[in-house]
Amino acid sequence: MRSSIFPKLLTSLGLALALGASWAQAPAPVFPTKPVRILTPFPVGSGPEGVARLVADKLSRLWGQPVVVENRPGGNGFIAIDAFKRGASDGHDLIQLDNVHLTAYPHLFKKLPYDPKADFEPLLPLFKTYFFLTTSVNSKHANVADLIADAKANPGKRYYGSWSVGNPVHLGSALFETITGTEMQHVIFKETSQLYTSVAQGDLDFAFGSSATAGPLYRAGKLKFMAVAAPRRIPAYKDVPTVAEAGGPSGFEVSGWTTIAAPKGLPRAVADKITRDIEKVLAEADVRDKFLALGYEPFPATREQFVQYVQAESTRLAAVIQKTQAALD
């Protein structure tokens, strides 16, 4: 009896070990395993938010899971960031951030409700947009050289605007003052529509604006794009010279960008998959067409290159902020 049972026990034990080995070697579930949420600090209808929705729609089809964009505007982006920090840490909650959140706010706030390096894993930039120096179509300044000469002759009597302290338009204007050796007044508006309407009416001498924010008034013939603060002309606006071509400082750039970020410490395999799939989406023709319509440009960069770029931008803006003594708390 014993001799017949023992071989059966060995067989059963071997089968259990084999099954255990196969379970141990089973691949991890392919990401995503449930709906994905992309939190954004941008309001519905804004250019960056529109890009996030376009990307989300295409990722939904690619992943076979719903990818939902959740708008949490306001509070300098802190509302969206707080929701992200309290969300899933496995990659099923992502966040759209812009350059201000990662490179300017750390130098503008003495105490931030987040740590740019400890809380986020920037995966890749979605796009880059350059800002135009906008003026009234009836401006007395024919070009950037005229504007600079007038500002130097009338220190403190020329005005530019933006929607807050520390945004790319404000810091770009402050940098413009520094580089050109001029002194002008910064006027803050509650809404971007009010800002560019004031430029069109001649209440402000200029304001930097993107194609998405200032474009409607430009296309209506009420606003002039005097120059673009970019290293080269923008394909969608080939007739608009660069700041340098219009008599301003060479190499002058005012730009904005957004990124998709994941929680810090996300497994490399998951982070790589999300990055690769978003890269596929951004390469699609209709996405490129959307960028062209908004005046956005592709921003190709590896994760390592992007991290280095963010650090370099943070260092550059720190110097501008220190010089202007700008602060938000």
Protein backbone atom coordinates (compact mmCIF):
# COMPACT_ATOMS: atom_id res chain seq x y z
CA MET A 1 0.00 0.00 0.00
CA ARG A 2 2.75 2.41 1.07
CA SER A 3 4.77 1.80 -2.11
CA SER A 4 1.80 2.70 -4.34
CA ILE A 5 0.91 5.93 -2.44
CA PHE A 6 4.44 7.36 -2.31
CA PRO A 7 4.90 7.79 -6.12
CA LYS A 8 1.50 9.49 -6.30
CA LEU A 9 2.54 11.94 -3.56
CA LEU A 10 5.73 12.75 -5.45
CA THR A 11 3.75 13.29 -8.63
CA SER A 12 1.32 15.62 -6.85
CA LEU A 13 4.15 17.52 -5.22
CA GLY A 14 5.95 17.94 -8.56
CA LEU A 15 2.78 19.21 -10.19
CA ALA A 16 2.26 21.75 -7.39
CA LEU A 17 5.84 22.98 -7.69
CA ALA A 18 5.48 23.30 -11.46
CA LEU A 19 2.26 25.25 -11.10
CA GLY A 20 3.89 27.48 -8.46
CA ALA A 21 6.79 28.17 -10.79
CA SER A 22 4.45 29.07 -13.64
CA TRP A 23 2.51 31.43 -11.38
CA ALA A 24 5.73 33.10 -10.25
CA GLN A 25 6.76 33.60 -13.86
CA ALA A 26 3.36 34.93 -14.99
CA PRO A 27 3.73 38.39 -16.53
CA ALA A 28 2.42 41.40 -14.64
CA PRO A 29 -0.89 42.80 -15.91
CA VAL A 30 -0.42 45.09 -18.88
CA PHE A 31 -0.94 48.75 -17.97
CA PRO A 32 -3.57 50.11 -17.71
CA THR A 33 -5.84 47.68 -15.90
CA LYS A 34 -8.57 50.24 -15.18
CA PRO A 35 -9.64 53.76 -16.26
CA VAL A 36 -6.91 56.41 -16.28
CA ARG A 37 -7.40 59.97 -15.06
CA ILE A 38 -5.44 62.98 -16.32
CA LEU A 39 -5.80 65.92 -13.95
CA THR A 40 -5.27 69.34 -15.47
CA PRO A 41 -5.09 72.78 -13.86
CA PHE A 42 -6.29 74.37 -17.10
CA PRO A 43 -9.93 75.38 -17.64
CA VAL A 44 -12.20 73.80 -20.22
CA GLY A 45 -11.64 75.29 -23.67
CA SER A 46 -8.08 76.44 -23.12
CA GLY A 47 -5.37 75.40 -25.59
CA PRO A 48 -3.38 73.15 -23.22
CA GLU A 49 -6.56 71.48 -21.97
CA GLY A 50 -7.63 70.82 -25.55
CA VAL A 51 -4.35 69.02 -26.21
CA ALA A 52 -4.82 66.94 -23.06
CA ARG A 53 -8.28 65.85 -24.25
CA LEU A 54 -6.99 65.00 -27.71
CA VAL A 55 -4.23 62.85 -26.21
CA ALA A 56 -6.64 61.24 -23.75
CA ASP A 57 -9.08 60.27 -26.51
CA LYS A 58 -6.36 58.59 -28.53
CA LEU A 59 -4.92 56.81 -25.49
CA SER A 60 -8.39 55.45 -24.70
CA ARG A 61 -8.48 53.76 -28.09
CA LEU A 62 -4.91 52.53 -27.79
CA TRP A 63 -5.29 51.15 -24.28
CA GLY A 64 -8.85 49.88 -24.45
CA GLN A 65 -9.60 51.73 -21.22
CA PRO A 66 -11.31 55.08 -20.61
CA VAL A 67 -8.85 57.96 -20.21
CA VAL A 68 -10.66 60.88 -18.60
CA VAL A 69 -9.45 64.48 -18.37
CA GLU A 70 -10.52 66.07 -15.10
CA ASN A 71 -10.33 69.87 -14.90
CA ARG A 72 -9.27 71.32 -11.56
CA PRO A 73 -8.49 74.96 -12.41
CA GLY A 74 -7.66 77.70 -9.93
CA GLY A 75 -5.35 78.22 -6.99
CA ASN A 76 -2.18 78.50 -9.09
CA GLY A 77 -2.68 74.88 -10.09
CA PHE A 78 -2.50 73.76 -6.47
CA ILE A 79 -6.05 72.34 -6.54
CA ALA A 80 -5.16 69.93 -9.35
CA ILE A 81 -1.83 69.08 -7.74
CA ASP A 82 -3.47 68.29 -4.39
CA ALA A 83 -5.95 65.95 -6.09
CA PHE A 84 -3.08 64.28 -7.92
CA LYS A 85 -1.08 63.76 -4.73
CA ARG A 86 -4.10 62.11 -3.10
CA GLY A 87 -4.77 59.94 -6.13
CA ALA A 88 -3.51 56.60 -7.37
CA SER A 89 0.26 56.14 -7.28
CA ASP A 90 0.40 53.31 -9.83
CA GLY A 91 0.14 55.44 -12.98
CA HIS A 92 -3.63 55.41 -13.28
CA ASP A 93 -3.63 59.03 -12.15
CA LEU A 94 -1.49 61.41 -14.20
CA ILE A 95 -1.26 65.20 -14.26
CA GLN A 96 -0.67 67.90 -16.84
CA LEU A 97 1.71 70.60 -15.60
CA ASP A 98 3.24 73.62 -17.28
CA ASN A 99 6.63 75.24 -17.04
CA VAL A 100 5.56 77.62 -14.28
CA HIS A 101 4.69 74.79 -11.88
CA LEU A 102 8.08 73.15 -12.26
CA THR A 103 10.49 76.02 -12.93
CA ALA A 104 9.06 79.33 -11.61
CA TYR A 105 6.89 78.64 -8.58
CA PRO A 106 9.74 77.02 -6.61
CA HIS A 107 11.43 80.44 -6.68
CA LEU A 108 8.29 82.58 -6.27
CA PHE A 109 6.82 80.85 -3.20
CA LYS A 110 8.67 80.49 0.07
CA LYS A 111 6.56 77.44 0.82
CA LEU A 112 4.94 75.33 -1.87
CA PRO A 113 2.25 72.69 -1.20
CA TYR A 114 4.29 70.30 -3.33
CA ASP A 115 7.88 69.32 -4.06
CA PRO A 116 8.65 69.52 -7.80
CA LYS A 117 11.36 66.87 -7.54
CA ALA A 118 9.84 64.54 -4.94
CA ASP A 119 6.20 64.51 -6.08
CA PHE A 120 6.43 64.30 -9.86
CA GLU A 121 8.03 62.17 -12.53
CA PRO A 122 7.83 64.28 -15.71
CA LEU A 123 7.50 61.77 -18.53
CA LEU A 124 7.68 63.92 -21.65
CA PRO A 125 6.69 67.38 -22.88
CA LEU A 126 3.48 67.58 -24.89
CA PHE A 127 4.25 70.75 -26.83
CA LYS A 128 6.05 74.06 -26.78
CA THR A 129 4.60 77.43 -27.66
CA TYR A 130 6.42 80.68 -28.28
CA PHE A 131 4.94 84.02 -27.32
CA PHE A 132 4.34 86.94 -29.62
CA LEU A 133 4.99 90.55 -28.67
CA THR A 134 1.52 91.95 -29.28
CA THR A 135 0.59 95.61 -29.75
CA SER A 136 -2.39 97.61 -30.95
CA VAL A 137 -2.70 97.79 -34.72
CA ASN A 138 -2.55 101.58 -34.20
CA SER A 139 0.57 101.48 -32.05
CA LYS A 140 3.04 104.28 -32.60
CA HIS A 141 5.83 101.71 -32.37
CA ALA A 142 6.62 100.32 -35.81
CA ASN A 143 8.92 97.61 -34.48
CA VAL A 144 10.67 96.35 -31.37
CA ALA A 145 13.53 98.83 -31.79
CA ASP A 146 11.01 101.70 -31.60
CA LEU A 147 9.45 100.28 -28.45
CA ILE A 148 12.83 99.93 -26.75
CA ALA A 149 13.91 103.45 -27.72
CA ASP A 150 10.66 104.91 -26.41
CA ALA A 151 10.90 102.98 -23.14
CA LYS A 152 14.47 104.17 -22.59
CA ALA A 153 13.46 107.77 -23.25
CA ASN A 154 10.50 107.49 -20.86
CA PRO A 155 11.48 105.27 -17.93
CA GLY A 156 8.51 104.04 -15.93
CA LYS A 157 5.99 105.50 -18.39
CA ARG A 158 5.41 102.51 -20.65
CA TYR A 159 3.12 99.65 -19.70
CA TYR A 160 2.86 95.93 -20.32
CA GLY A 161 0.42 93.42 -18.87
CA SER A 162 -0.17 89.85 -17.80
CA TRP A 163 -2.69 87.90 -15.72
CA SER A 164 -0.58 87.35 -12.58
CA VAL A 165 2.84 87.57 -11.02
CA GLY A 166 5.19 84.82 -12.11
CA ASN A 167 3.48 83.54 -15.25
CA PRO A 168 5.55 83.18 -18.46
CA VAL A 169 4.22 86.46 -19.87
CA HIS A 170 5.16 88.44 -16.75
CA LEU A 171 8.59 86.85 -16.39
CA GLY A 172 9.25 87.17 -20.13
CA SER A 173 8.40 90.87 -19.98
CA ALA A 174 10.61 91.35 -16.92
CA LEU A 175 13.44 89.59 -18.74
CA PHE A 176 12.83 91.87 -21.73
CA GLU A 177 13.24 94.89 -19.43
CA THR A 178 16.44 93.51 -17.97
CA ILE A 179 18.06 92.67 -21.28
CA THR A 180 17.10 95.97 -22.93
CA GLY A 181 17.95 98.13 -19.93
CA THR A 182 14.45 99.60 -19.74
CA GLU A 183 12.03 100.24 -16.89
CA MET A 184 8.32 99.70 -17.49
CA GLN A 185 5.18 99.14 -15.43
CA HIS A 186 3.47 95.75 -15.02
CA VAL A 187 -0.34 95.82 -15.03
CA ILE A 188 -2.21 92.70 -13.85
CA PHE A 189 -5.57 91.65 -15.32
CA LYS A 190 -8.01 89.07 -13.99
CA GLU A 191 -8.60 87.44 -17.37
CA THR A 192 -6.54 87.00 -20.52
CA SER A 193 -9.44 88.32 -22.62
CA GLN A 194 -9.32 91.62 -20.71
CA LEU A 195 -5.55 91.75 -21.07
CA TYR A 196 -5.43 91.48 -24.86
CA THR A 197 -8.49 93.70 -25.32
CA SER A 198 -6.58 96.40 -23.43
CA VAL A 199 -3.61 95.91 -25.74
CA ALA A 200 -5.89 96.20 -28.78
CA GLN A 201 -7.41 99.40 -27.40
CA GLY A 202 -3.97 100.92 -26.83
CA ASP A 203 -4.26 101.01 -23.03
CA LEU A 204 -1.08 98.95 -22.83
CA ASP A 205 2.03 99.40 -24.94
CA PHE A 206 2.45 95.64 -25.34
CA ALA A 207 1.89 92.20 -23.89
CA PHE A 208 3.37 88.87 -24.76
CA GLY A 209 0.73 86.38 -25.87
CA SER A 210 0.48 82.97 -27.45
CA SER A 211 -1.38 82.16 -30.62
CA ALA A 212 -4.03 80.44 -28.51
CA THR A 213 -4.67 83.39 -26.16
CA ALA A 214 -4.01 86.42 -28.38
CA GLY A 215 -4.79 84.74 -31.70
CA PRO A 216 -8.54 85.50 -31.85
CA LEU A 217 -7.98 89.28 -31.68
CA TYR A 218 -5.07 88.99 -34.09
CA ARG A 219 -7.20 87.12 -36.63
CA ALA A 220 -9.96 89.70 -36.15
CA GLY A 221 -7.50 92.41 -37.17
CA LYS A 222 -7.61 94.14 -33.78
CA LEU A 223 -4.18 93.09 -32.56
CA LYS A 224 -0.76 93.17 -34.15
CA PHE A 225 1.92 90.52 -33.75
CA MET A 226 4.96 92.79 -33.83
CA ALA A 227 7.46 89.95 -33.31
CA VAL A 228 7.78 86.44 -31.95
CA ALA A 229 10.11 85.71 -29.03
CA ALA A 230 11.59 82.62 -30.62
CA PRO A 231 14.89 81.54 -32.18
CA ARG A 232 13.22 81.38 -35.60
CA ARG A 233 9.98 82.30 -37.30
CA ILE A 234 6.91 80.20 -36.59
CA PRO A 235 5.67 78.21 -39.63
CA ALA A 236 2.04 79.24 -39.08
CA TYR A 237 3.07 82.93 -38.89
CA LYS A 238 5.86 83.22 -41.42
CA ASP A 239 5.32 86.95 -41.90
CA VAL A 240 5.97 87.73 -38.22
CA PRO A 241 9.67 88.46 -37.60
CA THR A 242 11.58 87.30 -34.55
CA VAL A 243 12.35 89.83 -31.84
CA ALA A 244 15.93 90.02 -33.10
CA GLU A 245 14.76 90.63 -36.69
CA ALA A 246 12.52 93.44 -35.44
CA GLY A 247 15.40 95.30 -33.81
CA GLY A 248 15.33 93.67 -30.37
CA PRO A 249 17.91 91.61 -28.49
CA SER A 250 19.22 88.48 -30.20
CA GLY A 251 18.45 85.09 -28.73
CA PHE A 252 15.49 86.44 -26.76
CA GLU A 253 12.91 83.74 -26.05
CA VAL A 254 9.62 83.60 -24.18
CA SER A 255 8.02 80.20 -24.31
CA GLY A 256 5.66 77.91 -22.52
CA TRP A 257 5.24 74.16 -22.46
CA THR A 258 3.23 71.48 -20.72
CA THR A 259 4.18 68.00 -19.63
CA ILE A 260 2.47 64.84 -18.55
CA ALA A 261 3.82 63.78 -15.16
CA ALA A 262 3.36 60.60 -13.16
CA PRO A 263 3.83 60.00 -9.43
CA LYS A 264 7.44 59.81 -8.34
CA GLY A 265 8.64 56.25 -7.98
CA LEU A 266 6.40 54.80 -10.66
CA PRO A 267 7.89 51.49 -11.89
CA ARG A 268 10.14 52.08 -14.86
CA ALA A 269 8.28 49.64 -17.09
CA VAL A 270 4.97 51.48 -16.55
CA ALA A 271 6.55 54.92 -17.00
CA ASP A 272 8.22 53.75 -20.20
CA LYS A 273 4.95 52.37 -21.60
CA ILE A 274 3.01 55.56 -20.89
CA THR A 275 5.80 57.61 -22.45
CA ARG A 276 6.04 55.44 -25.58
CA ASP A 277 2.29 55.47 -26.12
CA ILE A 278 1.98 59.24 -25.74
CA GLU A 279 4.86 59.63 -28.19
CA LYS A 280 2.88 57.52 -30.69
CA VAL A 281 -0.16 59.76 -30.20
CA LEU A 282 1.82 62.99 -30.61
CA ALA A 283 3.26 61.70 -33.90
CA GLU A 284 -0.18 61.29 -35.51
CA ALA A 285 -1.02 63.64 -38.37
CA ASP A 286 -4.21 65.12 -36.91
CA VAL A 287 -2.41 65.95 -33.66
CA ARG A 288 0.29 67.77 -35.62
CA ASP A 289 -2.43 69.63 -37.53
CA LYS A 290 -4.03 70.68 -34.23
CA PHE A 291 -0.68 71.96 -32.99
CA LEU A 292 -0.21 73.98 -36.16
CA ALA A 293 -3.64 75.58 -35.76
CA LEU A 294 -2.85 76.56 -32.17
CA GLY A 295 0.66 77.77 -32.96
CA TYR A 296 2.14 74.95 -30.88
CA GLU A 297 5.29 73.06 -31.82
CA PRO A 298 6.39 69.48 -31.12
CA PHE A 299 8.91 69.26 -28.29
CA PRO A 300 10.81 66.01 -28.87
CA ALA A 301 13.03 65.01 -25.95
CA THR A 302 13.96 61.89 -24.06
CA ARG A 303 13.01 61.76 -20.39
CA GLU A 304 16.61 62.39 -19.39
CA GLN A 305 16.95 65.34 -21.77
CA PHE A 306 13.70 66.81 -20.54
CA VAL A 307 14.73 66.57 -16.89
CA GLN A 308 17.95 68.41 -17.73
CA TYR A 309 16.01 71.04 -19.66
CA VAL A 310 13.64 71.62 -16.74
CA GLN A 311 16.58 72.09 -14.39
CA ALA A 312 18.25 74.56 -16.75
CA GLU A 313 15.01 76.55 -17.11
CA SER A 314 14.57 76.60 -13.34
CA THR A 315 18.06 78.02 -12.91
CA ARG A 316 17.46 80.66 -15.60
CA LEU A 317 14.14 81.79 -14.13
CA ALA A 318 15.57 81.88 -10.63
CA ALA A 319 17.96 84.60 -11.78
CA VAL A 320 15.15 86.61 -13.40
CA ILE A 321 12.92 86.30 -10.32
CA GLN A 322 15.74 87.32 -8.02
CA LYS A 323 16.50 90.36 -10.13
CA THR A 324 12.86 91.48 -10.29
CA GLN A 325 12.27 90.57 -6.61
CA ALA A 326 8.97 88.96 -7.63
CA ALA A 327 7.25 86.91 -4.94
CA LEU A 328 3.87 85.29 -4.35
CA ASP A 329 3.94 84.84 -0.57
